[in-house]
Amino acid sequence: MTATDLHVLTALPHTAAILLHGALRTEGIAAELARDGLAVVYGFDGGGFSTQVMVPGHEVERARQVLSDLDSGP
């Protein structure tokens, strides 16, 4: 999977992005996280420094469904 194959699904605070990443991987969706270098060094976790959750283009719709299911709760 190359960077050009990936599409940003959403951007979240880092901890929430990790949880979503795990949920996507559990559903068999190859997700990747991208975090700004300054965010890592200085611990920024909001606004423009949110962690991007990226998925392959052909998995975007499935990934949106997983995100929707998580947002709606149990």
PDB file of N, CA and C in Angstrom:
ATOM      1  N   MET A   1       0.859  -1.167   0.000  1.00  0.00           N
ATOM      2  CA  MET A   1       0.000   0.000   0.000  1.00  0.00           C
ATOM      3  C   MET A   1       0.901   1.224   0.000  1.00  0.00           C
ATOM      4  N   THR A   2       0.701   2.097  -0.964  1.00  0.00           N
ATOM      5  CA  THR A   2       1.489   3.322  -1.036  1.00  0.00           C
ATOM      6  C   THR A   2       0.672   4.493  -0.505  1.00  0.00           C
ATOM      7  N   ALA A   3       1.367   5.583  -0.228  1.00  0.00           N
ATOM      8  CA  ALA A   3       0.685   6.767   0.303  1.00  0.00           C
ATOM      9  C   ALA A   3      -0.364   7.296  -0.667  1.00  0.00           C
ATOM     10  N   THR A   4      -0.157   7.097  -1.964  1.00  0.00           N
ATOM     11  CA  THR A   4      -1.137   7.601  -2.931  1.00  0.00           C
ATOM     12  C   THR A   4      -2.407   6.771  -2.932  1.00  0.00           C
ATOM     13  N   ASP A   5      -2.354   5.572  -2.391  1.00  0.00           N
ATOM     14  CA  ASP A   5      -3.539   4.715  -2.314  1.00  0.00           C
ATOM     15  C   ASP A   5      -4.406   5.053  -1.102  1.00  0.00           C
ATOM     16  N   LEU A   6      -3.875   5.846  -0.175  1.00  0.00           N
ATOM     17  CA  LEU A   6      -4.567   6.111   1.081  1.00  0.00           C
ATOM     18  C   LEU A   6      -5.425   7.368   1.001  1.00  0.00           C
ATOM     19  N   HIS A   7      -6.551   7.313   1.699  1.00  0.00           N
ATOM     20  CA  HIS A   7      -7.464   8.449   1.801  1.00  0.00           C
ATOM     21  C   HIS A   7      -7.697   8.736   3.278  1.00  0.00           C
ATOM     22  N   VAL A   8      -7.718  10.018   3.629  1.00  0.00           N
ATOM     23  CA  VAL A   8      -7.958  10.399   5.021  1.00  0.00           C
ATOM     24  C   VAL A   8      -9.428  10.155   5.345  1.00  0.00           C
ATOM     25  N   LEU A   9      -9.657   9.302   6.308  1.00  0.00           N
ATOM     26  CA  LEU A   9     -11.010   9.016   6.769  1.00  0.00           C
ATOM     27  C   LEU A   9     -11.469  10.104   7.735  1.00  0.00           C
ATOM     28  N   THR A  10     -10.617  10.444   8.689  1.00  0.00           N
ATOM     29  CA  THR A  10     -10.934  11.456   9.690  1.00  0.00           C
ATOM     30  C   THR A  10      -9.654  11.871  10.395  1.00  0.00           C
ATOM     31  N   ALA A  11      -9.733  12.908  11.193  1.00  0.00           N
ATOM     32  CA  ALA A  11      -8.628  13.339  12.048  1.00  0.00           C
ATOM     33  C   ALA A  11      -9.185  13.473  13.458  1.00  0.00           C
ATOM     34  N   LEU A  12      -8.495  12.847  14.406  1.00  0.00           N
ATOM     35  CA  LEU A  12      -8.973  12.785  15.784  1.00  0.00           C
ATOM     36  C   LEU A  12      -7.824  13.024  16.753  1.00  0.00           C
ATOM     37  N   PRO A  13      -8.141  13.321  18.016  1.00  0.00           N
ATOM     38  CA  PRO A  13      -7.080  13.297  19.020  1.00  0.00           C
ATOM     39  C   PRO A  13      -6.411  11.915  18.985  1.00  0.00           C
ATOM     40  N   HIS A  14      -5.129  11.867  19.321  1.00  0.00           N
ATOM     41  CA  HIS A  14      -4.335  10.666  19.098  1.00  0.00           C
ATOM     42  C   HIS A  14      -4.933   9.408  19.738  1.00  0.00           C
ATOM     43  N   THR A  15      -5.386   9.488  20.973  1.00  0.00           N
ATOM     44  CA  THR A  15      -5.930   8.309  21.651  1.00  0.00           C
ATOM     45  C   THR A  15      -7.169   7.786  20.933  1.00  0.00           C
ATOM     46  N   ALA A  16      -8.054   8.679  20.511  1.00  0.00           N
ATOM     47  CA  ALA A  16      -9.250   8.264  19.777  1.00  0.00           C
ATOM     48  C   ALA A  16      -8.871   7.665  18.425  1.00  0.00           C
ATOM     49  N   ALA A  17      -7.846   8.217  17.779  1.00  0.00           N
ATOM     50  CA  ALA A  17      -7.388   7.687  16.493  1.00  0.00           C
ATOM     51  C   ALA A  17      -6.855   6.263  16.655  1.00  0.00           C
ATOM     52  N   ILE A  18      -6.152   6.009  17.744  1.00  0.00           N
ATOM     53  CA  ILE A  18      -5.637   4.663  18.005  1.00  0.00           C
ATOM     54  C   ILE A  18      -6.790   3.685  18.184  1.00  0.00           C
ATOM     55  N   LEU A  19      -7.817   4.086  18.903  1.00  0.00           N
ATOM     56  CA  LEU A  19      -8.978   3.211  19.107  1.00  0.00           C
ATOM     57  C   LEU A  19      -9.693   2.918  17.790  1.00  0.00           C
ATOM     58  N   LEU A  20      -9.872   3.940  16.957  1.00  0.00           N
ATOM     59  CA  LEU A  20     -10.494   3.741  15.653  1.00  0.00           C
ATOM     60  C   LEU A  20      -9.621   2.849  14.775  1.00  0.00           C
ATOM     61  N   HIS A  21      -8.326   3.070  14.805  1.00  0.00           N
ATOM     62  CA  HIS A  21      -7.387   2.242  14.044  1.00  0.00           C
ATOM     63  C   HIS A  21      -7.572   0.769  14.408  1.00  0.00           C
ATOM     64  N   GLY A  22      -7.668   0.486  15.705  1.00  0.00           N
ATOM     65  CA  GLY A  22      -7.873  -0.892  16.159  1.00  0.00           C
ATOM     66  C   GLY A  22      -9.197  -1.465  15.675  1.00  0.00           C
ATOM     67  N   ALA A  23     -10.255  -0.662  15.718  1.00  0.00           N
ATOM     68  CA  ALA A  23     -11.566  -1.127  15.250  1.00  0.00           C
ATOM     69  C   ALA A  23     -11.535  -1.424  13.756  1.00  0.00           C
ATOM     70  N   LEU A  24     -10.871  -0.576  12.996  1.00  0.00           N
ATOM     71  CA  LEU A  24     -10.767  -0.805  11.554  1.00  0.00           C
ATOM     72  C   LEU A  24      -9.970  -2.071  11.263  1.00  0.00           C
ATOM     73  N   ARG A  25      -8.863  -2.261  11.963  1.00  0.00           N
ATOM     74  CA  ARG A  25      -8.047  -3.449  11.750  1.00  0.00           C
ATOM     75  C   ARG A  25      -8.818  -4.711  12.132  1.00  0.00           C
ATOM     76  N   THR A  26      -9.625  -4.625  13.185  1.00  0.00           N
ATOM     77  CA  THR A  26     -10.453  -5.764  13.592  1.00  0.00           C
ATOM     78  C   THR A  26     -11.430  -6.155  12.484  1.00  0.00           C
ATOM     79  N   GLU A  27     -11.909  -5.163  11.735  1.00  0.00           N
ATOM     80  CA  GLU A  27     -12.829  -5.413  10.623  1.00  0.00           C
ATOM     81  C   GLU A  27     -12.096  -5.798   9.333  1.00  0.00           C
ATOM     82  N   GLY A  28     -10.778  -5.937   9.404  1.00  0.00           N
ATOM     83  CA  GLY A  28     -10.005  -6.342   8.239  1.00  0.00           C
ATOM     84  C   GLY A  28      -9.644  -5.210   7.295  1.00  0.00           C
ATOM     85  N   ILE A  29      -9.752  -3.974   7.776  1.00  0.00           N
ATOM     86  CA  ILE A  29      -9.423  -2.804   6.960  1.00  0.00           C
ATOM     87  C   ILE A  29      -8.021  -2.346   7.334  1.00  0.00           C
ATOM     88  N   ALA A  30      -7.148  -2.289   6.353  1.00  0.00           N
ATOM     89  CA  ALA A  30      -5.752  -1.896   6.581  1.00  0.00           C
ATOM     90  C   ALA A  30      -5.673  -0.384   6.765  1.00  0.00           C
ATOM     91  N   ALA A  31      -5.669   0.049   7.997  1.00  0.00           N
ATOM     92  CA  ALA A  31      -5.637   1.478   8.305  1.00  0.00           C
ATOM     93  C   ALA A  31      -4.234   1.902   8.711  1.00  0.00           C
ATOM     94  N   GLU A  32      -3.937   3.173   8.488  1.00  0.00           N
ATOM     95  CA  GLU A  32      -2.652   3.761   8.879  1.00  0.00           C
ATOM     96  C   GLU A  32      -2.924   5.054   9.641  1.00  0.00           C
ATOM     97  N   LEU A  33      -2.012   5.402  10.520  1.00  0.00           N
ATOM     98  CA  LEU A  33      -2.106   6.653  11.261  1.00  0.00           C
ATOM     99  C   LEU A  33      -0.985   7.586  10.818  1.00  0.00           C
ATOM    100  N   ALA A  34      -1.279   8.871  10.758  1.00  0.00           N
ATOM    101  CA  ALA A  34      -0.264   9.873  10.425  1.00  0.00           C
ATOM    102  C   ALA A  34      -0.380  11.003  11.435  1.00  0.00           C
ATOM    103  N   ARG A  35       0.750  11.349  12.021  1.00  0.00           N
ATOM    104  CA  ARG A  35       0.761  12.391  13.042  1.00  0.00           C
ATOM    105  C   ARG A  35       1.856  13.389  12.712  1.00  0.00           C
ATOM    106  N   ASP A  36       1.569  14.658  12.836  1.00  0.00           N
ATOM    107  CA  ASP A  36       2.537  15.712  12.577  1.00  0.00           C
ATOM    108  C   ASP A  36       3.729  15.565  13.521  1.00  0.00           C
ATOM    109  N   GLY A  37       4.916  15.779  12.991  1.00  0.00           N
ATOM    110  CA  GLY A  37       6.124  15.644  13.791  1.00  0.00           C
ATOM    111  C   GLY A  37       6.146  16.534  15.018  1.00  0.00           C
ATOM    112  N   LEU A  38       5.666  17.776  14.890  1.00  0.00           N
ATOM    113  CA  LEU A  38       5.618  18.675  16.045  1.00  0.00           C
ATOM    114  C   LEU A  38       4.672  18.157  17.117  1.00  0.00           C
ATOM    115  N   ALA A  39       3.606  17.507  16.693  1.00  0.00           N
ATOM    116  CA  ALA A  39       2.649  16.960  17.657  1.00  0.00           C
ATOM    117  C   ALA A  39       3.323  15.898  18.514  1.00  0.00           C
ATOM    118  N   VAL A  40       4.161  15.095  17.891  1.00  0.00           N
ATOM    119  CA  VAL A  40       4.860  14.042  18.627  1.00  0.00           C
ATOM    120  C   VAL A  40       5.863  14.654  19.599  1.00  0.00           C
ATOM    121  N   VAL A  41       6.644  15.602  19.124  1.00  0.00           N
ATOM    122  CA  VAL A  41       7.699  16.196  19.942  1.00  0.00           C
ATOM    123  C   VAL A  41       7.137  16.990  21.115  1.00  0.00           C
ATOM    124  N   TYR A  42       6.113  17.812  20.839  1.00  0.00           N
ATOM    125  CA  TYR A  42       5.589  18.705  21.871  1.00  0.00           C
ATOM    126  C   TYR A  42       4.298  18.230  22.528  1.00  0.00           C
ATOM    127  N   GLY A  43       3.772  17.107  22.095  1.00  0.00           N
ATOM    128  CA  GLY A  43       2.574  16.560  22.720  1.00  0.00           C
ATOM    129  C   GLY A  43       1.287  17.260  22.328  1.00  0.00           C
ATOM    130  N   PHE A  44       1.287  17.987  21.202  1.00  0.00           N
ATOM    131  CA  PHE A  44       0.059  18.628  20.736  1.00  0.00           C
ATOM    132  C   PHE A  44      -0.917  17.548  20.286  1.00  0.00           C
ATOM    133  N   ASP A  45      -2.201  17.762  20.554  1.00  0.00           N
ATOM    134  CA  ASP A  45      -3.159  16.703  20.248  1.00  0.00           C
ATOM    135  C   ASP A  45      -4.502  17.226  19.765  1.00  0.00           C
ATOM    136  N   GLY A  46      -4.568  18.400  19.229  1.00  0.00           N
ATOM    137  CA  GLY A  46      -5.842  18.922  18.776  1.00  0.00           C
ATOM    138  C   GLY A  46      -5.658  19.863  17.603  1.00  0.00           C
ATOM    139  N   GLY A  47      -6.762  20.348  17.079  1.00  0.00           N
ATOM    140  CA  GLY A  47      -6.719  21.291  15.970  1.00  0.00           C
ATOM    141  C   GLY A  47      -5.960  20.725  14.787  1.00  0.00           C
ATOM    142  N   GLY A  48      -5.019  21.482  14.279  1.00  0.00           N
ATOM    143  CA  GLY A  48      -4.227  21.057  13.134  1.00  0.00           C
ATOM    144  C   GLY A  48      -3.242  19.952  13.457  1.00  0.00           C
ATOM    145  N   PHE A  49      -3.131  19.593  14.729  1.00  0.00           N
ATOM    146  CA  PHE A  49      -2.192  18.563  15.136  1.00  0.00           C
ATOM    147  C   PHE A  49      -2.876  17.236  15.441  1.00  0.00           C
ATOM    148  N   SER A  50      -4.104  17.073  15.039  1.00  0.00           N
ATOM    149  CA  SER A  50      -4.810  15.813  15.251  1.00  0.00           C
ATOM    150  C   SER A  50      -4.148  14.706  14.439  1.00  0.00           C
ATOM    151  N   THR A  51      -4.386  13.483  14.848  1.00  0.00           N
ATOM    152  CA  THR A  51      -3.848  12.321  14.144  1.00  0.00           C
ATOM    153  C   THR A  51      -4.802  11.941  13.023  1.00  0.00           C
ATOM    154  N   GLN A  52      -4.270  11.810  11.816  1.00  0.00           N
ATOM    155  CA  GLN A  52      -5.090  11.410  10.669  1.00  0.00           C
ATOM    156  C   GLN A  52      -5.197   9.892  10.617  1.00  0.00           C
ATOM    157  N   VAL A  53      -6.414   9.418  10.386  1.00  0.00           N
ATOM    158  CA  VAL A  53      -6.663   7.991  10.181  1.00  0.00           C
ATOM    159  C   VAL A  53      -6.898   7.811   8.688  1.00  0.00           C
ATOM    160  N   MET A  54      -6.049   7.003   8.060  1.00  0.00           N
ATOM    161  CA  MET A  54      -6.117   6.836   6.608  1.00  0.00           C
ATOM    162  C   MET A  54      -6.397   5.378   6.259  1.00  0.00           C
ATOM    163  N   VAL A  55      -7.167   5.192   5.186  1.00  0.00           N
ATOM    164  CA  VAL A  55      -7.521   3.854   4.706  1.00  0.00           C
ATOM    165  C   VAL A  55      -7.350   3.793   3.191  1.00  0.00           C
ATOM    166  N   PRO A  56      -7.196   2.595   2.644  1.00  0.00           N
ATOM    167  CA  PRO A  56      -7.123   2.470   1.186  1.00  0.00           C
ATOM    168  C   PRO A  56      -8.418   2.957   0.541  1.00  0.00           C
ATOM    169  N   GLY A  57      -8.297   3.517  -0.655  1.00  0.00           N
ATOM    170  CA  GLY A  57      -9.459   4.080  -1.348  1.00  0.00           C
ATOM    171  C   GLY A  57     -10.606   3.104  -1.510  1.00  0.00           C
ATOM    172  N   HIS A  58     -10.296   1.838  -1.775  1.00  0.00           N
ATOM    173  CA  HIS A  58     -11.364   0.864  -1.992  1.00  0.00           C
ATOM    174  C   HIS A  58     -12.055   0.442  -0.698  1.00  0.00           C
ATOM    175  N   GLU A  59     -11.534   0.881   0.467  1.00  0.00           N
ATOM    176  CA  GLU A  59     -12.130   0.534   1.760  1.00  0.00           C
ATOM    177  C   GLU A  59     -12.822   1.719   2.435  1.00  0.00           C
ATOM    178  N   VAL A  60     -12.883   2.861   1.767  1.00  0.00           N
ATOM    179  CA  VAL A  60     -13.414   4.070   2.392  1.00  0.00           C
ATOM    180  C   VAL A  60     -14.848   3.883   2.884  1.00  0.00           C
ATOM    181  N   GLU A  61     -15.708   3.317   2.084  1.00  0.00           N
ATOM    182  CA  GLU A  61     -17.115   3.162   2.492  1.00  0.00           C
ATOM    183  C   GLU A  61     -17.255   2.237   3.694  1.00  0.00           C
ATOM    184  N   ARG A  62     -16.534   1.124   3.687  1.00  0.00           N
ATOM    185  CA  ARG A  62     -16.572   0.215   4.850  1.00  0.00           C
ATOM    186  C   ARG A  62     -16.045   0.914   6.090  1.00  0.00           C
ATOM    187  N   ALA A  63     -14.979   1.684   5.919  1.00  0.00           N
ATOM    188  CA  ALA A  63     -14.384   2.393   7.049  1.00  0.00           C
ATOM    189  C   ALA A  63     -15.340   3.453   7.597  1.00  0.00           C
ATOM    190  N   ARG A  64     -16.037   4.135   6.724  1.00  0.00           N
ATOM    191  CA  ARG A  64     -17.031   5.124   7.180  1.00  0.00           C
ATOM    192  C   ARG A  64     -18.134   4.448   7.989  1.00  0.00           C
ATOM    193  N   GLN A  65     -18.509   3.256   7.600  1.00  0.00           N
ATOM    194  CA  GLN A  65     -19.536   2.515   8.342  1.00  0.00           C
ATOM    195  C   GLN A  65     -19.037   2.145   9.736  1.00  0.00           C
ATOM    196  N   VAL A  66     -17.780   1.706   9.823  1.00  0.00           N
ATOM    197  CA  VAL A  66     -17.199   1.386  11.135  1.00  0.00           C
ATOM    198  C   VAL A  66     -17.175   2.635  12.000  1.00  0.00           C
ATOM    199  N   LEU A  67     -16.748   3.766  11.438  1.00  0.00           N
ATOM    200  CA  LEU A  67     -16.708   5.034  12.180  1.00  0.00           C
ATOM    201  C   LEU A  67     -18.120   5.431  12.627  1.00  0.00           C
ATOM    202  N   SER A  68     -19.090   5.274  11.764  1.00  0.00           N
ATOM    203  CA  SER A  68     -20.474   5.597  12.110  1.00  0.00           C
ATOM    204  C   SER A  68     -20.989   4.708  13.233  1.00  0.00           C
ATOM    205  N   ASP A  69     -20.683   3.430  13.159  1.00  0.00           N
ATOM    206  CA  ASP A  69     -21.099   2.492  14.202  1.00  0.00           C
ATOM    207  C   ASP A  69     -20.484   2.857  15.556  1.00  0.00           C
ATOM    208  N   LEU A  70     -19.222   3.269  15.543  1.00  0.00           N
ATOM    209  CA  LEU A  70     -18.567   3.665  16.788  1.00  0.00           C
ATOM    210  C   LEU A  70     -19.158   4.946  17.344  1.00  0.00           C
ATOM    211  N   ASP A  71     -19.482   5.890  16.456  1.00  0.00           N
ATOM    212  CA  ASP A  71     -20.071   7.159  16.898  1.00  0.00           C
ATOM    213  C   ASP A  71     -21.460   6.980  17.490  1.00  0.00           C
ATOM    214  N   SER A  72     -22.201   5.984  16.993  1.00  0.00           N
ATOM    215  CA  SER A  72     -23.572   5.786  17.476  1.00  0.00           C
ATOM    216  C   SER A  72     -23.619   5.034  18.807  1.00  0.00           C
ATOM    217  N   GLY A  73     -22.499   4.449  19.220  1.00  0.00           N
ATOM    218  CA  GLY A  73     -22.450   3.757  20.511  1.00  0.00           C
ATOM    219  C   GLY A  73     -23.011   2.352  20.455  1.00  0.00           C
ATOM    220  N   PRO A  74     -23.070   1.705  21.614  1.00  0.00           N
ATOM    221  CA  PRO A  74     -23.528   0.296  21.683  1.00  0.00           C
ATOM    222  C   PRO A  74     -25.018   0.147  21.425  1.00  0.00           C
TER     223      PRO A  74
END
